[in-house]
Amino acid sequence: MGYITKNWREGINLSQKFLDKIKPQTALKNRINDAEKKMECQILRLEQVHNKLKQNHDYVFKKIVEAQLSRNESRARTYAIELQEIRKTKNKIAEAKLAMEQIKLRLGTISELGDIVIT
């Protein structure tokens, strides 16, 4: 019993815990700016992955053309399946990049709107 009563008296009360959860630690403007920077970093990563996939797409497409010219249908079909998977992945990456750009734009709009309201 001594442990519970000791912690009960020394601990912070429930209302203080609740207020700590609601009250933000840093300014909203700073958190929005940090989120924009993180989004920009992720957008750049997605751009790099997209460019690598584009290079891989071009390489596999050339291999398909070479296989078709050499009348190797099975190899061309195998490369075509690989090309299809690359295109799917590339499209998903492009969609994710577009979504992140939209989020970044909205964060920027909120930040600018906050600046306008304050002034």
C-alpha atoms as a PDB file:
ATOM      1  CA  MET A   1       0.000   0.000   0.000  1.00  0.00           C
ATOM      2  CA  GLY A   2       2.856   2.375   0.669  1.00  0.00           C
ATOM      3  CA  TYR A   3       3.947   2.306  -2.988  1.00  0.00           C
ATOM      4  CA  ILE A   4       0.525   3.268  -4.323  1.00  0.00           C
ATOM      5  CA  THR A   5      -0.055   6.094  -1.875  1.00  0.00           C
ATOM      6  CA  LYS A   6       3.449   7.459  -2.433  1.00  0.00           C
ATOM      7  CA  ASN A   7       2.993   7.565  -6.214  1.00  0.00           C
ATOM      8  CA  TRP A   8      -0.524   8.940  -5.835  1.00  0.00           C
ATOM      9  CA  ARG A   9       0.720  11.954  -3.914  1.00  0.00           C
ATOM     10  CA  GLU A  10       3.812  12.626  -6.054  1.00  0.00           C
ATOM     11  CA  GLY A  11       2.285  12.023  -9.480  1.00  0.00           C
ATOM     12  CA  ILE A  12       0.649  14.660 -11.622  1.00  0.00           C
ATOM     13  CA  ASN A  13      -3.123  14.810 -11.560  1.00  0.00           C
ATOM     14  CA  LEU A  14      -5.432  13.699 -14.349  1.00  0.00           C
ATOM     15  CA  SER A  15      -6.291  17.201 -15.525  1.00  0.00           C
ATOM     16  CA  GLN A  16      -2.598  18.028 -15.944  1.00  0.00           C
ATOM     17  CA  LYS A  17      -2.065  14.867 -18.033  1.00  0.00           C
ATOM     18  CA  PHE A  18      -5.053  15.822 -20.190  1.00  0.00           C
ATOM     19  CA  LEU A  19      -3.809  19.372 -20.734  1.00  0.00           C
ATOM     20  CA  ASP A  20      -0.333  18.102 -21.650  1.00  0.00           C
ATOM     21  CA  LYS A  21      -1.876  15.985 -24.427  1.00  0.00           C
ATOM     22  CA  ILE A  22      -3.933  18.855 -25.838  1.00  0.00           C
ATOM     23  CA  LYS A  23      -1.430  21.677 -25.516  1.00  0.00           C
ATOM     24  CA  PRO A  24       1.123  21.567 -28.354  1.00  0.00           C
ATOM     25  CA  GLN A  25       4.790  21.615 -27.428  1.00  0.00           C
ATOM     26  CA  THR A  26       5.930  23.794 -30.329  1.00  0.00           C
ATOM     27  CA  ALA A  27       4.289  26.429 -32.475  1.00  0.00           C
ATOM     28  CA  LEU A  28       2.029  25.177 -35.241  1.00  0.00           C
ATOM     29  CA  LYS A  29       3.912  27.202 -37.862  1.00  0.00           C
ATOM     30  CA  ASN A  30       7.160  25.431 -36.948  1.00  0.00           C
ATOM     31  CA  ARG A  31       5.525  22.018 -37.100  1.00  0.00           C
ATOM     32  CA  ILE A  32       4.011  22.817 -40.508  1.00  0.00           C
ATOM     33  CA  ASN A  33       7.407  23.960 -41.810  1.00  0.00           C
ATOM     34  CA  ASP A  34       9.034  20.776 -40.507  1.00  0.00           C
ATOM     35  CA  ALA A  35       6.342  18.688 -42.184  1.00  0.00           C
ATOM     36  CA  GLU A  36       6.894  20.559 -45.473  1.00  0.00           C
ATOM     37  CA  LYS A  37      10.627  19.849 -45.318  1.00  0.00           C
ATOM     38  CA  LYS A  38      10.027  16.159 -44.628  1.00  0.00           C
ATOM     39  CA  MET A  39       7.549  15.971 -47.492  1.00  0.00           C
ATOM     40  CA  GLU A  40      10.063  17.611 -49.833  1.00  0.00           C
ATOM     41  CA  CYS A  41      12.669  15.033 -48.811  1.00  0.00           C
ATOM     42  CA  GLN A  42      10.255  12.177 -49.525  1.00  0.00           C
ATOM     43  CA  ILE A  43       9.270  13.720 -52.863  1.00  0.00           C
ATOM     44  CA  LEU A  44      12.930  13.867 -53.876  1.00  0.00           C
ATOM     45  CA  ARG A  45      13.394  10.215 -52.910  1.00  0.00           C
ATOM     46  CA  LEU A  46      10.376   9.210 -54.961  1.00  0.00           C
ATOM     47  CA  GLU A  47      11.712  11.243 -57.885  1.00  0.00           C
ATOM     48  CA  GLN A  48      15.019   9.363 -57.712  1.00  0.00           C
ATOM     49  CA  VAL A  49      13.258   5.987 -57.600  1.00  0.00           C
ATOM     50  CA  HIS A  50      11.032   7.040 -60.497  1.00  0.00           C
ATOM     51  CA  ASN A  51      14.075   8.002 -62.588  1.00  0.00           C
ATOM     52  CA  LYS A  52      15.764   4.660 -61.853  1.00  0.00           C
ATOM     53  CA  LEU A  53      12.627   2.814 -62.881  1.00  0.00           C
ATOM     54  CA  LYS A  54      12.446   4.879 -66.063  1.00  0.00           C
ATOM     55  CA  GLN A  55      16.024   3.909 -66.938  1.00  0.00           C
ATOM     56  CA  ASN A  56      15.240   0.276 -66.185  1.00  0.00           C
ATOM     57  CA  HIS A  57      12.098   0.554 -68.327  1.00  0.00           C
ATOM     58  CA  ASP A  58      14.105   1.842 -71.293  1.00  0.00           C
ATOM     59  CA  TYR A  59      16.702  -0.919 -70.867  1.00  0.00           C
ATOM     60  CA  VAL A  60      14.099  -3.699 -70.744  1.00  0.00           C
ATOM     61  CA  PHE A  61      12.250  -2.203 -73.714  1.00  0.00           C
ATOM     62  CA  LYS A  62      15.458  -2.308 -75.762  1.00  0.00           C
ATOM     63  CA  LYS A  63      15.911  -5.937 -74.745  1.00  0.00           C
ATOM     64  CA  ILE A  64      12.394  -6.705 -75.974  1.00  0.00           C
ATOM     65  CA  VAL A  65      13.144  -5.083 -79.329  1.00  0.00           C
ATOM     66  CA  GLU A  66      16.403  -7.031 -79.635  1.00  0.00           C
ATOM     67  CA  ALA A  67      14.639 -10.299 -78.773  1.00  0.00           C
ATOM     68  CA  GLN A  68      11.908  -9.589 -81.330  1.00  0.00           C
ATOM     69  CA  LEU A  69      14.481  -8.820 -84.016  1.00  0.00           C
ATOM     70  CA  SER A  70      16.334 -12.058 -83.280  1.00  0.00           C
ATOM     71  CA  ARG A  71      13.015 -13.975 -83.429  1.00  0.00           C
ATOM     72  CA  ASN A  72      13.302 -15.129 -79.821  1.00  0.00           C
ATOM     73  CA  GLU A  73       9.629 -14.950 -78.822  1.00  0.00           C
ATOM     74  CA  SER A  74       9.951 -16.611 -75.418  1.00  0.00           C
ATOM     75  CA  ARG A  75      12.644 -14.181 -74.295  1.00  0.00           C
ATOM     76  CA  ALA A  76      10.639 -11.235 -75.638  1.00  0.00           C
ATOM     77  CA  ARG A  77       7.572 -12.453 -73.733  1.00  0.00           C
ATOM     78  CA  THR A  78       9.599 -12.763 -70.522  1.00  0.00           C
ATOM     79  CA  TYR A  79      10.943  -9.249 -70.931  1.00  0.00           C
ATOM     80  CA  ALA A  80       7.433  -7.997 -71.696  1.00  0.00           C
ATOM     81  CA  ILE A  81       6.147  -9.393 -68.399  1.00  0.00           C
ATOM     82  CA  GLU A  82       9.030  -7.699 -66.590  1.00  0.00           C
ATOM     83  CA  LEU A  83       8.270  -4.450 -68.421  1.00  0.00           C
ATOM     84  CA  GLN A  84       4.645  -4.675 -67.335  1.00  0.00           C
ATOM     85  CA  GLU A  85       5.695  -4.987 -63.674  1.00  0.00           C
ATOM     86  CA  ILE A  86       8.085  -2.053 -64.028  1.00  0.00           C
ATOM     87  CA  ARG A  87       5.293   0.079 -65.493  1.00  0.00           C
ATOM     88  CA  LYS A  88       2.943  -0.825 -62.638  1.00  0.00           C
ATOM     89  CA  THR A  89       5.548   0.090 -60.051  1.00  0.00           C
ATOM     90  CA  LYS A  90       6.449   3.277 -61.886  1.00  0.00           C
ATOM     91  CA  ASN A  91       2.797   4.344 -61.986  1.00  0.00           C
ATOM     92  CA  LYS A  92       2.347   3.657 -58.263  1.00  0.00           C
ATOM     93  CA  ILE A  93       5.463   5.705 -57.485  1.00  0.00           C
ATOM     94  CA  ALA A  94       4.178   8.549 -59.673  1.00  0.00           C
ATOM     95  CA  GLU A  95       0.798   8.498 -57.896  1.00  0.00           C
ATOM     96  CA  ALA A  96       2.466   8.563 -54.473  1.00  0.00           C
ATOM     97  CA  LYS A  97       4.691  11.432 -55.575  1.00  0.00           C
ATOM     98  CA  LEU A  98       1.683  13.375 -56.840  1.00  0.00           C
ATOM     99  CA  ALA A  99      -0.201  12.792 -53.579  1.00  0.00           C
ATOM    100  CA  MET A 100       2.768  14.013 -51.542  1.00  0.00           C
ATOM    101  CA  GLU A 101       3.105  17.089 -53.729  1.00  0.00           C
ATOM    102  CA  GLN A 102      -0.578  17.849 -53.135  1.00  0.00           C
ATOM    103  CA  ILE A 103      -0.124  17.469 -49.381  1.00  0.00           C
ATOM    104  CA  LYS A 104       2.930  19.726 -49.464  1.00  0.00           C
ATOM    105  CA  LEU A 105       0.969  22.316 -51.432  1.00  0.00           C
ATOM    106  CA  ARG A 106      -1.874  22.197 -48.910  1.00  0.00           C
ATOM    107  CA  LEU A 107       0.560  22.610 -46.022  1.00  0.00           C
ATOM    108  CA  GLY A 108       2.032  25.631 -47.782  1.00  0.00           C
ATOM    109  CA  THR A 109      -1.430  27.073 -48.291  1.00  0.00           C
ATOM    110  CA  ILE A 110      -2.268  26.611 -44.615  1.00  0.00           C
ATOM    111  CA  SER A 111       1.005  28.256 -43.619  1.00  0.00           C
ATOM    112  CA  GLU A 112       0.396  31.242 -45.905  1.00  0.00           C
ATOM    113  CA  LEU A 113      -3.197  31.557 -44.730  1.00  0.00           C
ATOM    114  CA  GLY A 114      -1.967  31.613 -41.142  1.00  0.00           C
ATOM    115  CA  ASP A 115       0.484  34.382 -42.022  1.00  0.00           C
ATOM    116  CA  ILE A 116      -2.306  36.404 -43.634  1.00  0.00           C
ATOM    117  CA  VAL A 117      -4.630  35.960 -40.656  1.00  0.00           C
ATOM    118  CA  ILE A 118      -1.928  37.015 -38.194  1.00  0.00           C
ATOM    119  CA  THR A 119      -1.007  40.209 -40.075  1.00  0.00           C
END
